[in-house]
N, C-alpha and C. Protein backbone atom coordinates (compact mmCIF):
# COMPACT_ATOMS: atom_id res chain seq x y z
N MET A 1 -5.04 41.91 33.48
CA MET A 1 -5.76 42.75 32.55
C MET A 1 -7.23 42.86 32.95
N LEU A 2 -7.89 41.76 33.20
CA LEU A 2 -9.31 41.80 33.49
C LEU A 2 -9.61 42.14 34.94
N GLU A 3 -8.59 42.16 35.80
CA GLU A 3 -8.83 42.45 37.19
C GLU A 3 -9.42 43.84 37.37
N SER A 4 -9.06 44.77 36.49
CA SER A 4 -9.52 46.14 36.63
C SER A 4 -10.94 46.34 36.11
N TYR A 5 -11.53 45.33 35.54
CA TYR A 5 -12.89 45.45 35.03
C TYR A 5 -13.72 44.32 35.59
N ARG A 6 -14.80 44.65 36.24
CA ARG A 6 -15.62 43.63 36.87
C ARG A 6 -16.90 43.39 36.07
N PHE A 7 -17.19 42.12 35.84
CA PHE A 7 -18.44 41.75 35.21
C PHE A 7 -19.49 41.59 36.29
N ASP A 8 -20.72 41.81 35.94
CA ASP A 8 -21.83 41.57 36.84
C ASP A 8 -21.90 40.08 37.12
N THR A 9 -21.80 39.69 38.39
CA THR A 9 -21.77 38.27 38.73
C THR A 9 -23.16 37.67 38.85
N ALA A 10 -24.20 38.43 38.57
CA ALA A 10 -25.57 37.90 38.68
C ALA A 10 -25.99 37.15 37.43
N PHE A 11 -25.10 37.02 36.43
CA PHE A 11 -25.46 36.30 35.21
C PHE A 11 -25.76 34.84 35.54
N CYS A 12 -26.59 34.23 34.71
CA CYS A 12 -26.95 32.83 34.96
C CYS A 12 -25.75 31.92 34.72
N LYS A 13 -25.85 30.70 35.21
CA LYS A 13 -24.74 29.75 35.14
C LYS A 13 -24.44 29.30 33.71
N ALA A 14 -25.36 29.57 32.78
CA ALA A 14 -25.13 29.15 31.40
C ALA A 14 -24.09 30.03 30.71
N MET A 15 -23.73 31.15 31.31
CA MET A 15 -22.77 32.09 30.72
C MET A 15 -21.42 31.39 30.49
N ARG A 16 -20.84 31.62 29.34
CA ARG A 16 -19.54 31.07 28.99
C ARG A 16 -18.65 32.19 28.46
N THR A 17 -17.33 31.97 28.55
CA THR A 17 -16.36 33.01 28.19
C THR A 17 -15.38 32.50 27.15
N ILE A 18 -15.03 33.39 26.23
CA ILE A 18 -13.98 33.16 25.23
C ILE A 18 -12.95 34.26 25.43
N HIS A 19 -11.69 33.88 25.39
CA HIS A 19 -10.59 34.84 25.53
C HIS A 19 -9.55 34.48 24.47
N ILE A 20 -9.44 35.32 23.44
CA ILE A 20 -8.53 35.04 22.32
C ILE A 20 -7.68 36.28 22.08
N HIS A 21 -6.38 36.09 21.90
CA HIS A 21 -5.53 37.24 21.62
C HIS A 21 -4.58 36.93 20.47
N THR A 22 -4.05 37.98 19.89
CA THR A 22 -3.10 37.84 18.80
C THR A 22 -2.16 39.04 18.80
N HIS A 23 -1.04 38.88 18.12
CA HIS A 23 -0.11 40.00 17.94
C HIS A 23 -0.33 40.59 16.55
N LEU A 24 -0.51 41.90 16.50
CA LEU A 24 -0.66 42.61 15.23
C LEU A 24 0.58 43.46 14.99
N ALA A 25 1.10 43.43 13.79
CA ALA A 25 2.29 44.20 13.42
C ALA A 25 1.88 45.63 13.04
N ALA A 26 1.24 46.30 13.98
CA ALA A 26 0.81 47.68 13.79
C ALA A 26 0.87 48.36 15.16
N LYS A 27 1.09 49.66 15.15
CA LYS A 27 1.18 50.40 16.40
C LYS A 27 -0.18 50.46 17.10
N PRO A 28 -0.17 50.41 18.44
CA PRO A 28 -1.43 50.42 19.18
C PRO A 28 -2.34 51.61 18.84
N ASP A 29 -1.79 52.79 18.63
CA ASP A 29 -2.63 53.94 18.31
C ASP A 29 -3.38 53.76 17.00
N ILE A 30 -2.74 53.12 16.04
CA ILE A 30 -3.39 52.86 14.75
C ILE A 30 -4.51 51.84 14.94
N VAL A 31 -4.23 50.78 15.70
CA VAL A 31 -5.24 49.75 15.97
C VAL A 31 -6.43 50.37 16.71
N LYS A 32 -6.14 51.16 17.75
CA LYS A 32 -7.21 51.82 18.52
C LYS A 32 -8.08 52.68 17.60
N ASN A 33 -7.44 53.44 16.73
CA ASN A 33 -8.19 54.30 15.82
C ASN A 33 -9.17 53.50 14.97
N HIS A 34 -8.72 52.37 14.45
CA HIS A 34 -9.59 51.57 13.58
C HIS A 34 -10.65 50.80 14.37
N VAL A 35 -10.34 50.38 15.59
CA VAL A 35 -11.34 49.71 16.44
C VAL A 35 -12.56 50.61 16.61
N MET A 36 -12.34 51.90 16.62
CA MET A 36 -13.42 52.85 16.88
C MET A 36 -14.28 53.15 15.65
N THR A 37 -14.08 52.42 14.55
CA THR A 37 -14.88 52.67 13.35
C THR A 37 -15.80 51.48 13.03
N PRO A 38 -17.07 51.75 12.77
CA PRO A 38 -17.98 50.67 12.35
C PRO A 38 -17.51 49.98 11.06
N ALA A 39 -16.77 50.69 10.21
CA ALA A 39 -16.27 50.07 8.98
C ALA A 39 -15.39 48.87 9.31
N LEU A 40 -14.63 48.95 10.40
CA LEU A 40 -13.79 47.83 10.81
C LEU A 40 -14.65 46.61 11.15
N LEU A 41 -15.73 46.84 11.87
CA LEU A 41 -16.61 45.73 12.25
C LEU A 41 -17.02 44.91 11.03
N ASN A 42 -17.54 45.57 10.01
CA ASN A 42 -17.99 44.81 8.84
C ASN A 42 -16.83 44.25 8.03
N TYR A 43 -15.65 44.87 8.09
CA TYR A 43 -14.50 44.31 7.38
C TYR A 43 -14.05 43.00 8.03
N VAL A 44 -13.89 43.00 9.36
CA VAL A 44 -13.33 41.81 10.01
C VAL A 44 -14.31 40.63 10.04
N VAL A 45 -15.59 40.88 9.82
CA VAL A 45 -16.55 39.77 9.79
C VAL A 45 -16.99 39.42 8.36
N ALA A 46 -16.49 40.15 7.36
CA ALA A 46 -16.90 39.93 5.97
C ALA A 46 -16.71 38.47 5.57
N GLY A 47 -17.73 37.94 4.94
CA GLY A 47 -17.73 36.53 4.54
C GLY A 47 -18.58 35.69 5.46
N LEU A 48 -18.49 35.94 6.76
CA LEU A 48 -19.30 35.21 7.74
C LEU A 48 -20.58 35.93 8.10
N MET A 49 -20.48 37.26 8.22
CA MET A 49 -21.59 38.02 8.77
C MET A 49 -21.57 39.43 8.18
N LYS A 50 -22.72 40.04 8.19
CA LYS A 50 -22.86 41.44 7.81
C LYS A 50 -23.77 42.06 8.85
N PHE A 51 -23.39 43.24 9.32
CA PHE A 51 -24.22 43.97 10.27
C PHE A 51 -24.80 45.18 9.56
N ARG A 52 -26.13 45.26 9.53
CA ARG A 52 -26.82 46.39 8.90
C ARG A 52 -27.49 47.21 9.99
N PRO A 53 -27.23 48.51 10.02
CA PRO A 53 -27.84 49.34 11.05
C PRO A 53 -29.35 49.46 10.88
N ILE A 54 -30.07 49.44 12.01
CA ILE A 54 -31.51 49.66 12.04
C ILE A 54 -31.81 50.96 12.78
N ASP A 55 -31.26 51.08 13.98
CA ASP A 55 -31.49 52.27 14.80
C ASP A 55 -30.21 52.63 15.54
N PRO A 56 -29.55 53.70 15.14
CA PRO A 56 -29.94 54.62 14.08
C PRO A 56 -29.84 53.96 12.71
N ALA A 57 -30.40 54.63 11.72
CA ALA A 57 -30.52 54.07 10.37
C ALA A 57 -29.18 53.95 9.65
N ALA A 58 -28.16 54.63 10.13
CA ALA A 58 -26.82 54.56 9.54
C ALA A 58 -25.81 54.52 10.68
N PHE A 59 -24.69 53.84 10.44
CA PHE A 59 -23.63 53.85 11.43
C PHE A 59 -22.96 55.21 11.44
N PRO A 60 -22.45 55.64 12.60
CA PRO A 60 -21.65 56.86 12.64
C PRO A 60 -20.28 56.59 12.01
N ASP A 61 -19.53 57.62 11.73
CA ASP A 61 -18.17 57.42 11.23
C ASP A 61 -17.29 56.75 12.29
N ARG A 62 -17.55 57.12 13.55
CA ARG A 62 -16.80 56.57 14.69
C ARG A 62 -17.79 56.17 15.77
N TRP A 63 -17.48 55.07 16.46
CA TRP A 63 -18.32 54.65 17.57
C TRP A 63 -18.29 55.69 18.68
N THR A 64 -19.43 55.93 19.25
CA THR A 64 -19.54 56.73 20.46
C THR A 64 -20.37 55.91 21.43
N PRO A 65 -20.25 56.19 22.73
CA PRO A 65 -21.05 55.41 23.68
C PRO A 65 -22.54 55.50 23.34
N GLY A 66 -23.19 54.36 23.39
CA GLY A 66 -24.61 54.30 23.09
C GLY A 66 -25.01 52.93 22.57
N LYS A 67 -26.29 52.81 22.24
CA LYS A 67 -26.83 51.55 21.74
C LYS A 67 -27.17 51.68 20.27
N TYR A 68 -26.75 50.68 19.51
CA TYR A 68 -26.97 50.62 18.07
C TYR A 68 -27.67 49.29 17.78
N THR A 69 -28.87 49.35 17.23
CA THR A 69 -29.58 48.12 16.86
C THR A 69 -29.20 47.75 15.44
N VAL A 70 -28.78 46.49 15.25
CA VAL A 70 -28.35 46.03 13.94
C VAL A 70 -29.10 44.76 13.56
N ARG A 71 -29.21 44.55 12.26
CA ARG A 71 -29.71 43.28 11.71
C ARG A 71 -28.48 42.46 11.35
N MET A 72 -28.49 41.20 11.76
CA MET A 72 -27.37 40.31 11.46
C MET A 72 -27.73 39.43 10.27
N LEU A 73 -26.83 39.38 9.31
CA LEU A 73 -27.03 38.56 8.11
C LEU A 73 -25.86 37.59 7.98
N ALA A 74 -26.12 36.30 8.18
CA ALA A 74 -25.08 35.29 8.01
C ALA A 74 -24.73 35.21 6.53
N PHE A 75 -23.46 35.14 6.26
CA PHE A 75 -22.97 35.07 4.88
C PHE A 75 -23.53 36.22 4.03
N HIS A 76 -23.85 37.32 4.67
CA HIS A 76 -24.34 38.56 4.06
C HIS A 76 -25.78 38.49 3.56
N VAL A 77 -26.43 37.34 3.62
CA VAL A 77 -27.78 37.23 3.06
C VAL A 77 -28.83 36.56 3.95
N ILE A 78 -28.43 35.69 4.87
CA ILE A 78 -29.39 34.93 5.67
C ILE A 78 -29.68 35.68 6.98
N PRO A 79 -30.91 36.17 7.15
CA PRO A 79 -31.23 36.88 8.40
C PRO A 79 -31.13 35.94 9.60
N VAL A 80 -30.40 36.38 10.63
CA VAL A 80 -30.26 35.57 11.84
C VAL A 80 -30.65 36.35 13.10
N GLY A 81 -31.34 37.45 12.91
CA GLY A 81 -31.84 38.18 14.07
C GLY A 81 -31.27 39.57 14.20
N ARG A 82 -31.63 40.16 15.32
CA ARG A 82 -31.17 41.52 15.65
C ARG A 82 -30.23 41.45 16.84
N GLN A 83 -29.41 42.46 16.91
CA GLN A 83 -28.44 42.55 18.00
C GLN A 83 -28.35 44.00 18.44
N ILE A 84 -28.20 44.21 19.73
CA ILE A 84 -27.88 45.54 20.24
C ILE A 84 -26.37 45.58 20.40
N VAL A 85 -25.73 46.51 19.73
CA VAL A 85 -24.31 46.78 19.94
C VAL A 85 -24.29 47.92 20.97
N GLY A 86 -23.88 47.60 22.18
CA GLY A 86 -23.90 48.57 23.27
C GLY A 86 -22.51 49.08 23.57
N ILE A 87 -22.10 50.15 22.90
CA ILE A 87 -20.73 50.65 23.02
C ILE A 87 -20.53 51.40 24.33
N GLU A 88 -19.51 50.97 25.06
CA GLU A 88 -19.09 51.63 26.30
C GLU A 88 -17.58 51.84 26.22
N LEU A 89 -17.12 52.94 26.76
CA LEU A 89 -15.69 53.25 26.78
C LEU A 89 -15.25 53.48 28.22
N PRO A 90 -15.27 52.43 29.05
CA PRO A 90 -15.01 52.61 30.48
C PRO A 90 -13.52 52.63 30.83
N GLN A 91 -12.81 53.67 30.41
CA GLN A 91 -11.37 53.76 30.68
C GLN A 91 -11.15 54.26 32.10
N GLU A 92 -10.84 53.33 33.00
CA GLU A 92 -10.65 53.69 34.39
C GLU A 92 -9.18 53.74 34.78
N ASN A 93 -8.30 53.24 33.92
CA ASN A 93 -6.88 53.21 34.25
C ASN A 93 -6.07 53.24 32.97
N ASP A 94 -4.85 52.70 33.01
CA ASP A 94 -3.96 52.74 31.86
C ASP A 94 -4.33 51.76 30.75
N GLU A 95 -5.20 50.79 31.05
CA GLU A 95 -5.61 49.84 30.02
C GLU A 95 -6.58 50.52 29.05
N TRP A 96 -6.44 50.20 27.77
CA TRP A 96 -7.36 50.75 26.77
C TRP A 96 -8.24 49.62 26.29
N PHE A 97 -9.54 49.83 26.39
CA PHE A 97 -10.46 48.83 25.87
C PHE A 97 -11.79 49.47 25.51
N VAL A 98 -12.52 48.74 24.67
CA VAL A 98 -13.87 49.11 24.27
C VAL A 98 -14.76 47.95 24.67
N ARG A 99 -15.95 48.27 25.14
CA ARG A 99 -16.89 47.22 25.52
C ARG A 99 -18.13 47.31 24.64
N ASP A 100 -18.52 46.18 24.08
CA ASP A 100 -19.82 46.04 23.43
C ASP A 100 -20.67 45.23 24.40
N ASN A 101 -21.46 45.91 25.19
CA ASN A 101 -22.33 45.27 26.17
C ASN A 101 -23.64 44.93 25.45
N GLY A 102 -23.56 43.94 24.58
CA GLY A 102 -24.65 43.66 23.67
C GLY A 102 -25.62 42.59 24.13
N SER A 103 -26.70 42.50 23.38
CA SER A 103 -27.71 41.46 23.57
C SER A 103 -28.49 41.37 22.27
N GLY A 104 -29.23 40.29 22.13
CA GLY A 104 -29.97 40.18 20.88
C GLY A 104 -31.01 39.10 20.90
N SER A 105 -31.51 38.80 19.70
CA SER A 105 -32.58 37.82 19.57
C SER A 105 -32.09 36.39 19.80
N ILE A 106 -30.80 36.14 19.69
CA ILE A 106 -30.26 34.81 19.95
C ILE A 106 -29.56 34.76 21.31
N ALA A 107 -28.67 35.71 21.55
CA ALA A 107 -27.92 35.75 22.82
C ALA A 107 -28.44 36.90 23.67
N ARG A 108 -28.95 36.55 24.84
CA ARG A 108 -29.45 37.62 25.71
C ARG A 108 -28.30 38.41 26.32
N VAL A 109 -27.10 37.80 26.33
CA VAL A 109 -25.88 38.51 26.74
C VAL A 109 -24.79 38.23 25.72
N TRP A 110 -24.22 39.28 25.18
CA TRP A 110 -23.05 39.19 24.31
C TRP A 110 -22.15 40.33 24.75
N ASP A 111 -21.34 40.06 25.76
CA ASP A 111 -20.52 41.08 26.41
C ASP A 111 -19.10 40.94 25.91
N HIS A 112 -18.71 41.83 25.00
CA HIS A 112 -17.43 41.73 24.28
C HIS A 112 -16.53 42.90 24.66
N LEU A 113 -15.37 42.56 25.17
CA LEU A 113 -14.35 43.58 25.45
C LEU A 113 -13.21 43.41 24.47
N ILE A 114 -12.75 44.51 23.91
CA ILE A 114 -11.59 44.52 23.02
C ILE A 114 -10.49 45.28 23.75
N PHE A 115 -9.38 44.58 24.03
CA PHE A 115 -8.22 45.21 24.66
C PHE A 115 -7.14 45.44 23.62
N VAL A 116 -6.51 46.59 23.67
CA VAL A 116 -5.41 46.94 22.76
C VAL A 116 -4.25 47.39 23.64
N GLU A 117 -3.12 46.66 23.56
CA GLU A 117 -1.96 46.95 24.40
C GLU A 117 -0.68 46.90 23.58
N PRO A 118 0.31 47.72 23.93
CA PRO A 118 1.60 47.61 23.25
C PRO A 118 2.22 46.24 23.52
N GLU A 119 2.85 45.68 22.49
CA GLU A 119 3.55 44.41 22.64
C GLU A 119 4.70 44.39 21.64
N GLY A 120 5.91 44.47 22.12
CA GLY A 120 7.07 44.51 21.23
C GLY A 120 6.97 45.69 20.28
N ASN A 121 7.12 45.43 18.99
CA ASN A 121 7.01 46.49 17.97
C ASN A 121 5.60 46.62 17.42
N GLY A 122 4.63 46.05 18.10
CA GLY A 122 3.27 46.07 17.58
C GLY A 122 2.24 46.15 18.70
N THR A 123 1.18 45.36 18.53
CA THR A 123 0.03 45.44 19.42
C THR A 123 -0.44 44.05 19.81
N ARG A 124 -0.77 43.90 21.07
CA ARG A 124 -1.48 42.70 21.53
C ARG A 124 -2.96 43.07 21.48
N TYR A 125 -3.70 42.34 20.65
CA TYR A 125 -5.13 42.58 20.46
C TYR A 125 -5.86 41.40 21.09
N THR A 126 -6.81 41.69 21.98
CA THR A 126 -7.52 40.64 22.71
C THR A 126 -9.02 40.82 22.59
N ASP A 127 -9.70 39.73 22.26
CA ASP A 127 -11.16 39.66 22.32
C ASP A 127 -11.51 38.84 23.56
N HIS A 128 -12.29 39.43 24.45
CA HIS A 128 -12.77 38.72 25.64
C HIS A 128 -14.29 38.81 25.59
N VAL A 129 -14.96 37.65 25.49
CA VAL A 129 -16.40 37.63 25.24
C VAL A 129 -17.09 36.71 26.24
N ARG A 130 -18.18 37.22 26.81
CA ARG A 130 -19.06 36.41 27.65
C ARG A 130 -20.40 36.31 26.94
N VAL A 131 -20.91 35.08 26.86
CA VAL A 131 -22.14 34.83 26.13
C VAL A 131 -23.11 34.04 27.00
N ASP A 132 -24.37 34.44 26.94
CA ASP A 132 -25.45 33.65 27.53
C ASP A 132 -26.57 33.62 26.50
N ALA A 133 -26.80 32.44 25.95
CA ALA A 133 -27.89 32.25 24.98
C ALA A 133 -28.83 31.16 25.48
N GLY A 134 -28.94 31.04 26.80
CA GLY A 134 -29.83 30.03 27.37
C GLY A 134 -29.43 28.63 26.93
N ILE A 135 -30.41 27.85 26.47
CA ILE A 135 -30.11 26.48 26.05
C ILE A 135 -29.26 26.43 24.78
N LEU A 136 -29.14 27.55 24.09
CA LEU A 136 -28.31 27.61 22.88
C LEU A 136 -26.88 28.07 23.18
N THR A 137 -26.53 28.25 24.45
CA THR A 137 -25.21 28.80 24.79
C THR A 137 -24.07 27.99 24.18
N TRP A 138 -24.09 26.67 24.30
CA TRP A 138 -22.96 25.88 23.78
C TRP A 138 -22.82 26.00 22.26
N PRO A 139 -23.88 25.84 21.47
CA PRO A 139 -23.70 26.02 20.03
C PRO A 139 -23.28 27.45 19.68
N VAL A 140 -23.83 28.43 20.38
CA VAL A 140 -23.44 29.82 20.12
C VAL A 140 -21.97 30.02 20.47
N MET A 141 -21.50 29.40 21.54
CA MET A 141 -20.09 29.53 21.92
C MET A 141 -19.17 28.89 20.88
N LEU A 142 -19.58 27.75 20.34
CA LEU A 142 -18.77 27.14 19.28
C LEU A 142 -18.66 28.08 18.09
N TYR A 143 -19.80 28.65 17.71
CA TYR A 143 -19.78 29.62 16.61
C TYR A 143 -18.91 30.83 16.99
N ALA A 144 -19.07 31.34 18.20
CA ALA A 144 -18.32 32.52 18.63
C ALA A 144 -16.81 32.26 18.61
N ALA A 145 -16.38 31.08 19.01
CA ALA A 145 -14.96 30.75 18.99
C ALA A 145 -14.42 30.82 17.57
N LEU A 146 -15.16 30.27 16.61
CA LEU A 146 -14.75 30.35 15.20
C LEU A 146 -14.82 31.80 14.70
N PHE A 147 -15.88 32.49 15.07
CA PHE A 147 -16.12 33.87 14.65
C PHE A 147 -14.97 34.77 15.07
N TYR A 148 -14.52 34.68 16.32
CA TYR A 148 -13.45 35.56 16.80
C TYR A 148 -12.09 35.17 16.26
N ARG A 149 -11.86 33.89 16.03
CA ARG A 149 -10.61 33.49 15.36
C ARG A 149 -10.59 34.04 13.93
N TYR A 150 -11.72 33.95 13.26
CA TYR A 150 -11.84 34.49 11.91
C TYR A 150 -11.60 36.00 11.91
N ARG A 151 -12.20 36.72 12.85
CA ARG A 151 -12.00 38.18 12.96
C ARG A 151 -10.52 38.50 13.11
N GLN A 152 -9.83 37.75 13.96
CA GLN A 152 -8.41 38.05 14.17
C GLN A 152 -7.59 37.73 12.93
N LYS A 153 -7.97 36.71 12.20
CA LYS A 153 -7.31 36.41 10.92
C LYS A 153 -7.52 37.58 9.95
N ARG A 154 -8.73 38.12 9.89
CA ARG A 154 -9.02 39.28 9.03
C ARG A 154 -8.25 40.52 9.49
N TRP A 155 -8.05 40.66 10.79
CA TRP A 155 -7.21 41.75 11.31
C TRP A 155 -5.80 41.66 10.71
N HIS A 156 -5.24 40.45 10.70
CA HIS A 156 -3.89 40.27 10.15
C HIS A 156 -3.86 40.65 8.67
N LYS A 157 -4.88 40.25 7.93
CA LYS A 157 -4.95 40.63 6.52
C LYS A 157 -5.02 42.14 6.37
N LEU A 158 -5.81 42.79 7.19
CA LEU A 158 -5.96 44.24 7.15
C LEU A 158 -4.63 44.93 7.43
N VAL A 159 -3.89 44.44 8.40
CA VAL A 159 -2.58 45.01 8.72
C VAL A 159 -1.63 44.83 7.54
N ARG A 160 -1.62 43.61 6.94
CA ARG A 160 -0.76 43.36 5.77
C ARG A 160 -1.08 44.32 4.62
N LEU A 161 -2.36 44.69 4.49
CA LEU A 161 -2.79 45.62 3.44
C LEU A 161 -2.68 47.07 3.88
N ASN A 162 -2.02 47.30 5.01
CA ASN A 162 -1.80 48.64 5.54
C ASN A 162 -3.11 49.42 5.73
N PHE A 163 -4.16 48.72 6.12
CA PHE A 163 -5.48 49.28 6.41
C PHE A 163 -6.15 49.92 5.19
N GLU A 164 -5.64 49.65 4.01
CA GLU A 164 -6.17 50.26 2.78
C GLU A 164 -7.66 50.00 2.55
N PRO A 165 -8.18 48.77 2.78
CA PRO A 165 -9.63 48.58 2.56
C PRO A 165 -10.50 49.52 3.41
N LEU A 166 -10.06 49.82 4.63
CA LEU A 166 -10.84 50.74 5.47
C LEU A 166 -10.73 52.17 4.97
N LEU A 167 -9.55 52.54 4.50
CA LEU A 167 -9.36 53.89 3.98
C LEU A 167 -10.21 54.10 2.74
N LEU A 168 -10.30 53.07 1.89
CA LEU A 168 -11.16 53.17 0.70
C LEU A 168 -12.62 53.26 1.09
N SER A 169 -13.01 52.49 2.09
CA SER A 169 -14.40 52.53 2.58
C SER A 169 -14.75 53.90 3.13
N GLU A 170 -13.84 54.50 3.90
CA GLU A 170 -14.07 55.83 4.45
C GLU A 170 -14.19 56.87 3.33
N ALA A 171 -13.34 56.75 2.30
CA ALA A 171 -13.39 57.68 1.18
C ALA A 171 -14.72 57.57 0.45
N GLU A 172 -15.22 56.34 0.25
CA GLU A 172 -16.53 56.13 -0.40
C GLU A 172 -17.66 56.75 0.41
N ASN A 173 -17.60 56.57 1.74
CA ASN A 173 -18.65 57.13 2.60
C ASN A 173 -18.66 58.65 2.56
N GLN A 174 -17.50 59.27 2.42
CA GLN A 174 -17.44 60.73 2.36
C GLN A 174 -18.01 61.26 1.05
N LYS A 175 -17.93 60.47 -0.03
CA LYS A 175 -18.52 60.88 -1.31
C LYS A 175 -20.04 60.89 -1.25
N ASN A 176 -20.60 59.95 -0.47
CA ASN A 176 -22.07 59.81 -0.42
C ASN A 176 -22.72 60.83 0.42
């Protein structure tokens, strides 16, 4: 899977990688559609983190390639810095993935790839993350490991609810 995508090897030695996958009981096209929405981001991290847009001042309905500056709020209230969400859609072959080539005030590199692949009657969903936070890399990696496991648990809840929380969120945004 990762052979078709090359990371820049000039990163410092402090860089660490997390690779976590799960099976979702939803069709890959449905998962792909929701991955492309900022509403999904805040749903899957709800409780641990909240991302508030700074630049641009509002999230788009769907991610498009570009840089989005966000404020990160732990537990929705504690400011923990800013992050660049750097959306890239480098589809070079049959694999489908989205890249957040991010960086921020804590991690100078937060390179997150989301892979979505058919698996049985559902989807294999994979988070592959490389982090470099200098001397804070190890504590950030411990947090990231918990953070991505939590996200995948929230994905399962979302699938069980037939994506209804996102549909309600989209309906609310259209009213405003």
